[in-house]
N, C-alpha and C. Protein backbone atom coordinates (compact mmCIF):
# COMPACT_ATOMS: atom_id res chain seq x y z
N MET A 1 12.95 -14.35 7.67
CA MET A 1 12.15 -13.52 6.79
C MET A 1 11.91 -12.18 7.48
N SER A 2 12.10 -11.13 6.75
CA SER A 2 11.82 -9.78 7.22
C SER A 2 10.54 -9.28 6.55
N VAL A 3 9.66 -8.68 7.35
CA VAL A 3 8.43 -8.11 6.81
C VAL A 3 8.64 -6.62 6.63
N LYS A 4 8.41 -6.15 5.42
CA LYS A 4 8.53 -4.73 5.11
C LYS A 4 7.20 -4.24 4.57
N ILE A 5 6.69 -3.18 5.20
CA ILE A 5 5.42 -2.59 4.81
C ILE A 5 5.73 -1.26 4.13
N ILE A 6 5.30 -1.12 2.89
CA ILE A 6 5.65 0.04 2.08
C ILE A 6 4.40 0.84 1.75
N ALA A 7 4.41 2.11 2.13
CA ALA A 7 3.31 3.02 1.78
C ALA A 7 3.68 3.76 0.51
N ILE A 8 2.81 3.67 -0.49
CA ILE A 8 3.02 4.43 -1.70
C ILE A 8 1.84 5.37 -1.91
N GLY A 9 2.09 6.46 -2.59
CA GLY A 9 1.04 7.44 -2.83
C GLY A 9 1.63 8.83 -2.96
N ASN A 10 0.76 9.78 -3.17
CA ASN A 10 1.17 11.17 -3.36
C ASN A 10 0.36 12.05 -2.41
N ARG A 11 1.03 12.66 -1.45
CA ARG A 11 0.38 13.51 -0.44
C ARG A 11 -0.33 14.72 -1.05
N LEU A 12 0.05 15.09 -2.26
CA LEU A 12 -0.52 16.28 -2.89
C LEU A 12 -1.81 15.99 -3.65
N MET A 13 -2.23 14.72 -3.66
CA MET A 13 -3.38 14.32 -4.47
C MET A 13 -4.52 13.75 -3.62
N GLY A 14 -4.86 14.42 -2.54
CA GLY A 14 -5.99 14.01 -1.73
C GLY A 14 -5.84 12.61 -1.18
N ASP A 15 -6.81 11.75 -1.46
CA ASP A 15 -6.82 10.40 -0.91
C ASP A 15 -5.69 9.53 -1.43
N ASP A 16 -4.98 9.95 -2.45
CA ASP A 16 -3.84 9.16 -2.93
C ASP A 16 -2.75 9.06 -1.86
N GLY A 17 -2.72 9.99 -0.92
CA GLY A 17 -1.75 9.96 0.17
C GLY A 17 -2.24 9.20 1.39
N LEU A 18 -3.37 8.54 1.28
CA LEU A 18 -3.98 7.83 2.40
C LEU A 18 -3.07 6.78 3.02
N ALA A 19 -2.43 5.96 2.22
CA ALA A 19 -1.56 4.90 2.76
C ALA A 19 -0.42 5.50 3.58
N ILE A 20 0.10 6.61 3.14
CA ILE A 20 1.20 7.26 3.86
C ILE A 20 0.72 7.68 5.24
N GLN A 21 -0.43 8.32 5.30
CA GLN A 21 -0.95 8.78 6.60
C GLN A 21 -1.28 7.61 7.51
N ILE A 22 -1.81 6.54 6.95
CA ILE A 22 -2.12 5.36 7.76
C ILE A 22 -0.85 4.76 8.35
N LEU A 23 0.17 4.57 7.53
CA LEU A 23 1.39 3.94 8.05
C LEU A 23 2.17 4.86 8.98
N GLU A 24 2.06 6.16 8.77
CA GLU A 24 2.68 7.07 9.74
C GLU A 24 2.02 6.92 11.11
N LYS A 25 0.71 6.74 11.11
CA LYS A 25 -0.01 6.56 12.37
C LYS A 25 0.29 5.20 13.01
N LEU A 26 0.44 4.17 12.21
CA LEU A 26 0.60 2.80 12.72
C LEU A 26 2.04 2.34 12.85
N SER A 27 3.00 3.14 12.43
CA SER A 27 4.39 2.67 12.33
C SER A 27 4.93 2.12 13.64
N GLU A 28 4.68 2.76 14.76
CA GLU A 28 5.19 2.26 16.05
C GLU A 28 4.63 0.89 16.37
N LYS A 29 3.33 0.70 16.14
CA LYS A 29 2.71 -0.60 16.42
C LYS A 29 3.32 -1.69 15.55
N PHE A 30 3.54 -1.39 14.27
CA PHE A 30 4.13 -2.39 13.39
C PHE A 30 5.58 -2.67 13.79
N GLU A 31 6.33 -1.64 14.08
CA GLU A 31 7.74 -1.82 14.41
C GLU A 31 7.93 -2.56 15.73
N LYS A 32 6.99 -2.44 16.66
CA LYS A 32 7.03 -3.23 17.90
C LYS A 32 6.87 -4.71 17.60
N ASN A 33 6.25 -5.03 16.48
CA ASN A 33 6.08 -6.42 16.04
C ASN A 33 7.12 -6.82 15.00
N CYS A 34 8.24 -6.10 14.98
CA CYS A 34 9.39 -6.42 14.12
C CYS A 34 9.09 -6.31 12.63
N MET A 35 8.20 -5.40 12.27
CA MET A 35 7.93 -5.12 10.86
C MET A 35 8.49 -3.74 10.55
N LYS A 36 9.18 -3.63 9.43
CA LYS A 36 9.77 -2.35 9.04
C LYS A 36 8.79 -1.58 8.16
N VAL A 37 8.54 -0.33 8.54
CA VAL A 37 7.65 0.54 7.77
C VAL A 37 8.50 1.45 6.89
N ILE A 38 8.15 1.51 5.62
CA ILE A 38 8.87 2.33 4.65
C ILE A 38 7.85 3.29 4.02
N ILE A 39 8.12 4.57 4.14
CA ILE A 39 7.26 5.57 3.50
C ILE A 39 7.90 5.85 2.14
N GLY A 40 7.42 5.15 1.12
CA GLY A 40 8.01 5.23 -0.20
C GLY A 40 7.45 6.34 -1.06
N GLU A 41 6.25 6.80 -0.74
CA GLU A 41 5.55 7.81 -1.53
C GLU A 41 5.56 7.42 -3.01
N THR A 42 6.08 8.25 -3.88
CA THR A 42 6.09 7.94 -5.32
C THR A 42 7.46 7.48 -5.80
N ASP A 43 8.39 7.27 -4.90
CA ASP A 43 9.77 6.93 -5.25
C ASP A 43 9.99 5.41 -5.22
N PHE A 44 9.54 4.72 -6.28
CA PHE A 44 9.66 3.26 -6.30
C PHE A 44 11.12 2.80 -6.28
N GLU A 45 12.03 3.60 -6.82
CA GLU A 45 13.44 3.20 -6.82
C GLU A 45 14.00 3.15 -5.40
N TYR A 46 13.59 4.08 -4.56
CA TYR A 46 13.97 4.06 -3.15
C TYR A 46 13.47 2.76 -2.50
N CYS A 47 12.22 2.42 -2.77
CA CYS A 47 11.63 1.20 -2.20
C CYS A 47 12.38 -0.04 -2.66
N LEU A 48 12.69 -0.11 -3.95
CA LEU A 48 13.42 -1.27 -4.48
C LEU A 48 14.77 -1.42 -3.82
N GLY A 49 15.42 -0.31 -3.49
CA GLY A 49 16.73 -0.36 -2.86
C GLY A 49 16.72 -0.93 -1.46
N ILE A 50 15.56 -0.98 -0.83
CA ILE A 50 15.44 -1.48 0.54
C ILE A 50 15.00 -2.94 0.57
N ILE A 51 14.41 -3.44 -0.50
CA ILE A 51 13.89 -4.80 -0.55
C ILE A 51 15.04 -5.79 -0.72
N GLU A 52 14.97 -6.86 0.08
CA GLU A 52 15.96 -7.93 0.01
C GLU A 52 15.27 -9.23 -0.39
N GLU A 53 16.06 -10.18 -0.85
CA GLU A 53 15.55 -11.42 -1.44
C GLU A 53 14.56 -12.18 -0.56
N LYS A 54 14.78 -12.24 0.74
CA LYS A 54 13.92 -13.07 1.60
C LYS A 54 12.82 -12.27 2.29
N ASP A 55 12.60 -11.05 1.87
CA ASP A 55 11.57 -10.21 2.49
C ASP A 55 10.17 -10.66 2.09
N TYR A 56 9.25 -10.41 2.99
CA TYR A 56 7.82 -10.51 2.69
C TYR A 56 7.36 -9.06 2.59
N ILE A 57 6.84 -8.68 1.43
CA ILE A 57 6.52 -7.30 1.14
C ILE A 57 5.02 -7.06 1.25
N ILE A 58 4.67 -6.00 1.95
CA ILE A 58 3.27 -5.56 2.02
C ILE A 58 3.24 -4.14 1.48
N ILE A 59 2.58 -3.98 0.35
CA ILE A 59 2.43 -2.66 -0.26
C ILE A 59 1.06 -2.13 0.15
N VAL A 60 1.04 -0.92 0.69
CA VAL A 60 -0.21 -0.29 1.08
C VAL A 60 -0.39 0.93 0.17
N ASP A 61 -1.55 1.00 -0.48
CA ASP A 61 -1.80 2.08 -1.43
C ASP A 61 -3.29 2.36 -1.50
N ALA A 62 -3.63 3.56 -1.91
CA ALA A 62 -5.02 3.91 -2.17
C ALA A 62 -5.46 3.25 -3.47
N THR A 63 -6.73 2.91 -3.53
CA THR A 63 -7.29 2.30 -4.74
C THR A 63 -8.48 3.11 -5.23
N TRP A 64 -8.85 2.83 -6.46
CA TRP A 64 -10.02 3.45 -7.06
C TRP A 64 -10.71 2.38 -7.90
N PHE A 65 -11.40 1.46 -7.20
CA PHE A 65 -12.09 0.35 -7.83
C PHE A 65 -13.59 0.61 -7.99
N GLY A 66 -14.07 1.77 -7.53
CA GLY A 66 -15.49 2.08 -7.62
C GLY A 66 -16.31 1.42 -6.52
N ILE A 67 -15.67 1.09 -5.41
CA ILE A 67 -16.36 0.50 -4.26
C ILE A 67 -16.43 1.57 -3.16
N GLY A 68 -16.99 1.24 -2.02
CA GLY A 68 -17.18 2.23 -0.96
C GLY A 68 -15.88 2.81 -0.43
N PRO A 69 -15.81 4.13 -0.28
CA PRO A 69 -14.60 4.76 0.27
C PRO A 69 -14.23 4.15 1.63
N GLY A 70 -12.96 3.85 1.80
CA GLY A 70 -12.47 3.25 3.03
C GLY A 70 -12.44 1.74 3.03
N THR A 71 -13.00 1.11 2.00
CA THR A 71 -12.99 -0.35 1.91
C THR A 71 -11.56 -0.84 1.74
N VAL A 72 -11.19 -1.84 2.53
CA VAL A 72 -9.84 -2.42 2.48
C VAL A 72 -9.89 -3.71 1.67
N THR A 73 -9.01 -3.81 0.68
CA THR A 73 -8.91 -5.02 -0.14
C THR A 73 -7.50 -5.59 -0.03
N VAL A 74 -7.38 -6.87 -0.30
CA VAL A 74 -6.07 -7.53 -0.25
C VAL A 74 -5.92 -8.40 -1.49
N ASN A 75 -4.77 -8.28 -2.15
CA ASN A 75 -4.42 -9.13 -3.29
C ASN A 75 -2.98 -9.59 -3.10
N SER A 76 -2.70 -10.82 -3.48
CA SER A 76 -1.31 -11.28 -3.41
C SER A 76 -0.54 -10.70 -4.59
N LEU A 77 0.74 -10.47 -4.39
CA LEU A 77 1.57 -9.99 -5.49
C LEU A 77 1.53 -10.98 -6.65
N LYS A 78 1.55 -12.26 -6.34
CA LYS A 78 1.53 -13.28 -7.40
C LYS A 78 0.27 -13.20 -8.24
N ASP A 79 -0.87 -12.92 -7.61
CA ASP A 79 -2.12 -12.78 -8.37
C ASP A 79 -2.07 -11.55 -9.27
N VAL A 80 -1.50 -10.47 -8.77
CA VAL A 80 -1.40 -9.25 -9.57
C VAL A 80 -0.47 -9.47 -10.76
N TYR A 81 0.61 -10.21 -10.56
CA TYR A 81 1.53 -10.49 -11.67
C TYR A 81 0.84 -11.28 -12.78
N ARG A 82 -0.16 -12.10 -12.41
CA ARG A 82 -0.86 -12.93 -13.39
C ARG A 82 -1.85 -12.16 -14.26
N LEU A 83 -2.20 -10.95 -13.85
CA LEU A 83 -3.13 -10.16 -14.65
C LEU A 83 -2.50 -9.83 -15.99
N ASN A 84 -3.31 -9.81 -17.04
CA ASN A 84 -2.73 -9.41 -18.31
C ASN A 84 -2.58 -7.89 -18.35
N VAL A 85 -1.91 -7.38 -19.34
CA VAL A 85 -1.58 -5.96 -19.42
C VAL A 85 -2.82 -5.08 -19.33
N ASN A 86 -3.91 -5.49 -19.95
CA ASN A 86 -5.12 -4.67 -19.94
C ASN A 86 -5.82 -4.66 -18.59
N GLN A 87 -5.52 -5.62 -17.71
CA GLN A 87 -6.15 -5.69 -16.41
C GLN A 87 -5.23 -5.20 -15.29
N SER A 88 -3.98 -4.97 -15.58
CA SER A 88 -3.02 -4.69 -14.51
C SER A 88 -3.35 -3.40 -13.79
N LEU A 89 -2.80 -3.27 -12.62
CA LEU A 89 -3.05 -2.08 -11.82
C LEU A 89 -2.40 -0.88 -12.47
N PHE A 90 -3.18 0.15 -12.66
CA PHE A 90 -2.66 1.38 -13.23
C PHE A 90 -2.18 2.26 -12.10
N SER A 91 -1.23 3.12 -12.40
CA SER A 91 -0.67 3.99 -11.39
C SER A 91 -0.48 5.38 -11.96
N GLN A 92 -0.89 6.36 -11.20
CA GLN A 92 -0.62 7.73 -11.63
C GLN A 92 0.82 8.09 -11.33
N HIS A 93 1.55 7.16 -10.73
CA HIS A 93 2.94 7.40 -10.39
C HIS A 93 3.88 7.01 -11.51
N GLY A 94 3.35 6.76 -12.70
CA GLY A 94 4.20 6.34 -13.80
C GLY A 94 4.56 4.87 -13.63
N TYR A 95 5.81 4.54 -13.87
CA TYR A 95 6.28 3.17 -13.69
C TYR A 95 6.14 2.84 -12.22
N SER A 96 5.38 1.83 -11.89
CA SER A 96 5.01 1.59 -10.50
C SER A 96 5.94 0.60 -9.81
N LEU A 97 5.89 0.64 -8.49
CA LEU A 97 6.63 -0.30 -7.67
C LEU A 97 6.20 -1.73 -7.99
N ILE A 98 4.92 -1.93 -8.21
CA ILE A 98 4.41 -3.27 -8.50
C ILE A 98 5.00 -3.81 -9.80
N LYS A 99 5.03 -2.97 -10.83
CA LYS A 99 5.63 -3.41 -12.10
C LYS A 99 7.13 -3.67 -11.93
N ALA A 100 7.81 -2.84 -11.18
CA ALA A 100 9.24 -3.04 -10.96
C ALA A 100 9.49 -4.35 -10.22
N LEU A 101 8.66 -4.66 -9.24
CA LEU A 101 8.80 -5.94 -8.53
C LEU A 101 8.56 -7.11 -9.47
N GLU A 102 7.56 -6.98 -10.32
CA GLU A 102 7.24 -8.05 -11.26
C GLU A 102 8.42 -8.35 -12.18
N PHE A 103 9.06 -7.31 -12.67
CA PHE A 103 10.17 -7.51 -13.61
C PHE A 103 11.47 -7.87 -12.92
N SER A 104 11.72 -7.34 -11.74
CA SER A 104 13.03 -7.50 -11.11
C SER A 104 13.05 -8.45 -9.93
N TYR A 105 11.94 -8.56 -9.22
CA TYR A 105 11.93 -9.33 -7.97
C TYR A 105 10.74 -10.27 -7.92
N ARG A 106 10.41 -10.90 -9.01
CA ARG A 106 9.23 -11.75 -9.10
C ARG A 106 9.21 -12.84 -8.02
N PHE A 107 10.36 -13.22 -7.50
CA PHE A 107 10.45 -14.28 -6.51
C PHE A 107 10.02 -13.81 -5.11
N ILE A 108 9.85 -12.54 -4.90
CA ILE A 108 9.49 -12.02 -3.59
C ILE A 108 8.00 -12.21 -3.36
N ASP A 109 7.67 -12.70 -2.16
CA ASP A 109 6.28 -12.94 -1.80
C ASP A 109 5.72 -11.72 -1.07
N GLY A 110 4.42 -11.54 -1.17
CA GLY A 110 3.81 -10.43 -0.47
C GLY A 110 2.38 -10.18 -0.91
N ILE A 111 1.84 -9.10 -0.38
CA ILE A 111 0.47 -8.71 -0.66
C ILE A 111 0.39 -7.22 -0.94
N ILE A 112 -0.73 -6.83 -1.53
CA ILE A 112 -1.05 -5.42 -1.71
C ILE A 112 -2.32 -5.16 -0.91
N VAL A 113 -2.24 -4.25 0.02
CA VAL A 113 -3.40 -3.83 0.80
C VAL A 113 -3.86 -2.52 0.21
N GLY A 114 -5.05 -2.52 -0.34
CA GLY A 114 -5.61 -1.32 -0.95
C GLY A 114 -6.68 -0.72 -0.07
N ILE A 115 -6.72 0.60 -0.03
CA ILE A 115 -7.77 1.31 0.69
C ILE A 115 -8.47 2.21 -0.31
N GLU A 116 -9.75 1.98 -0.50
CA GLU A 116 -10.51 2.72 -1.50
C GLU A 116 -10.62 4.20 -1.12
N GLY A 117 -10.17 5.04 -2.03
CA GLY A 117 -10.28 6.48 -1.84
C GLY A 117 -11.49 7.03 -2.57
N LYS A 118 -11.70 8.33 -2.41
CA LYS A 118 -12.82 8.98 -3.09
C LYS A 118 -12.35 10.15 -3.93
N ASN A 119 -11.43 10.95 -3.41
CA ASN A 119 -10.98 12.16 -4.10
C ASN A 119 -9.49 12.07 -4.43
N PHE A 120 -9.19 12.09 -5.72
CA PHE A 120 -7.80 12.01 -6.16
C PHE A 120 -7.40 13.27 -6.93
N ASP A 121 -7.94 14.40 -6.52
CA ASP A 121 -7.61 15.69 -7.12
C ASP A 121 -6.54 16.38 -6.29
N TYR A 122 -5.98 17.45 -6.83
CA TYR A 122 -4.98 18.21 -6.09
C TYR A 122 -5.55 18.70 -4.77
N SER A 123 -5.00 18.20 -3.69
CA SER A 123 -5.45 18.59 -2.36
C SER A 123 -4.47 18.04 -1.32
N PHE A 124 -4.23 18.80 -0.28
CA PHE A 124 -3.42 18.31 0.84
C PHE A 124 -4.26 17.53 1.84
N SER A 125 -5.57 17.52 1.66
CA SER A 125 -6.49 16.92 2.63
C SER A 125 -7.12 15.64 2.09
N LEU A 126 -7.45 14.76 3.02
CA LEU A 126 -8.22 13.58 2.67
C LEU A 126 -9.67 13.99 2.46
N SER A 127 -10.41 13.20 1.68
CA SER A 127 -11.82 13.48 1.48
C SER A 127 -12.57 13.34 2.80
N ASN A 128 -13.71 13.98 2.90
CA ASN A 128 -14.49 13.93 4.13
C ASN A 128 -14.87 12.49 4.49
N ASP A 129 -15.27 11.69 3.50
CA ASP A 129 -15.65 10.29 3.76
C ASP A 129 -14.51 9.52 4.42
N ILE A 130 -13.30 9.74 3.96
CA ILE A 130 -12.12 9.05 4.50
C ILE A 130 -11.75 9.64 5.86
N GLU A 131 -11.77 10.94 5.98
CA GLU A 131 -11.40 11.61 7.23
C GLU A 131 -12.28 11.15 8.39
N VAL A 132 -13.59 11.06 8.14
CA VAL A 132 -14.54 10.68 9.18
C VAL A 132 -14.28 9.26 9.69
N SER A 133 -13.87 8.36 8.82
CA SER A 133 -13.65 6.96 9.22
C SER A 133 -12.17 6.59 9.30
N PHE A 134 -11.28 7.58 9.38
CA PHE A 134 -9.84 7.33 9.33
C PHE A 134 -9.38 6.34 10.42
N ASP A 135 -9.81 6.53 11.66
CA ASP A 135 -9.38 5.63 12.74
C ASP A 135 -9.85 4.20 12.49
N ASN A 136 -11.07 4.04 12.01
CA ASN A 136 -11.59 2.69 11.70
C ASN A 136 -10.80 2.06 10.55
N ILE A 137 -10.47 2.87 9.55
CA ILE A 137 -9.67 2.36 8.42
C ILE A 137 -8.30 1.91 8.92
N CYS A 138 -7.67 2.72 9.76
CA CYS A 138 -6.36 2.35 10.32
C CYS A 138 -6.45 1.03 11.07
N ASN A 139 -7.49 0.87 11.89
CA ASN A 139 -7.65 -0.39 12.63
C ASN A 139 -7.82 -1.57 11.69
N LYS A 140 -8.60 -1.39 10.63
CA LYS A 140 -8.82 -2.48 9.67
C LYS A 140 -7.52 -2.84 8.94
N VAL A 141 -6.74 -1.84 8.55
CA VAL A 141 -5.46 -2.09 7.89
C VAL A 141 -4.52 -2.83 8.84
N TYR A 142 -4.46 -2.39 10.09
CA TYR A 142 -3.59 -3.04 11.08
C TYR A 142 -3.99 -4.50 11.29
N GLU A 143 -5.29 -4.74 11.49
CA GLU A 143 -5.77 -6.11 11.70
C GLU A 143 -5.51 -6.97 10.46
N THR A 144 -5.72 -6.42 9.29
CA THR A 144 -5.52 -7.16 8.05
C THR A 144 -4.06 -7.58 7.90
N ILE A 145 -3.16 -6.66 8.10
CA ILE A 145 -1.74 -6.97 7.96
C ILE A 145 -1.30 -7.97 9.03
N CYS A 146 -1.69 -7.75 10.26
CA CYS A 146 -1.30 -8.68 11.33
C CYS A 146 -1.81 -10.10 11.07
N SER A 147 -3.03 -10.21 10.55
CA SER A 147 -3.57 -11.55 10.25
C SER A 147 -2.79 -12.22 9.12
N LYS A 148 -2.33 -11.44 8.16
CA LYS A 148 -1.59 -12.00 7.02
C LYS A 148 -0.19 -12.47 7.42
N VAL A 149 0.40 -11.86 8.44
CA VAL A 149 1.74 -12.27 8.86
C VAL A 149 1.72 -13.14 10.12
N GLY A 150 0.51 -13.47 10.61
CA GLY A 150 0.37 -14.38 11.73
C GLY A 150 0.63 -13.78 13.10
N ILE A 151 0.27 -12.52 13.27
CA ILE A 151 0.44 -11.89 14.58
C ILE A 151 -0.91 -11.74 15.24
């Protein structure tokens, strides 16, 4: 089994690029543990082209659930697939990687690690709340992923 960690988001939309910045910071640590980091941004087709049948997929993305900025949540892909259309995860990226996996690669196991953002407006910068706790958020994401894959 190969573990692939995919960062999705948009660097031009403030906290929506949070997952990308986190995985760029943590990529060496993950790769030392034989996990492949993929910076997918908004290109779900690129991500799909890298996924193989026996992979364990970890999608890292910013969320907007109305909880505290920087809060890390985890959901299994299988649980997300079970949501009905009205409850499913919405994406400002149009047709999302999660929906593509559901339709094309439903057999692939994995999780979605969400990091609650605060500002999703046009901006190259993270919100102040996220920026101040960025190192702590990175540590929490790293620990969460390592615990899920048994490292």
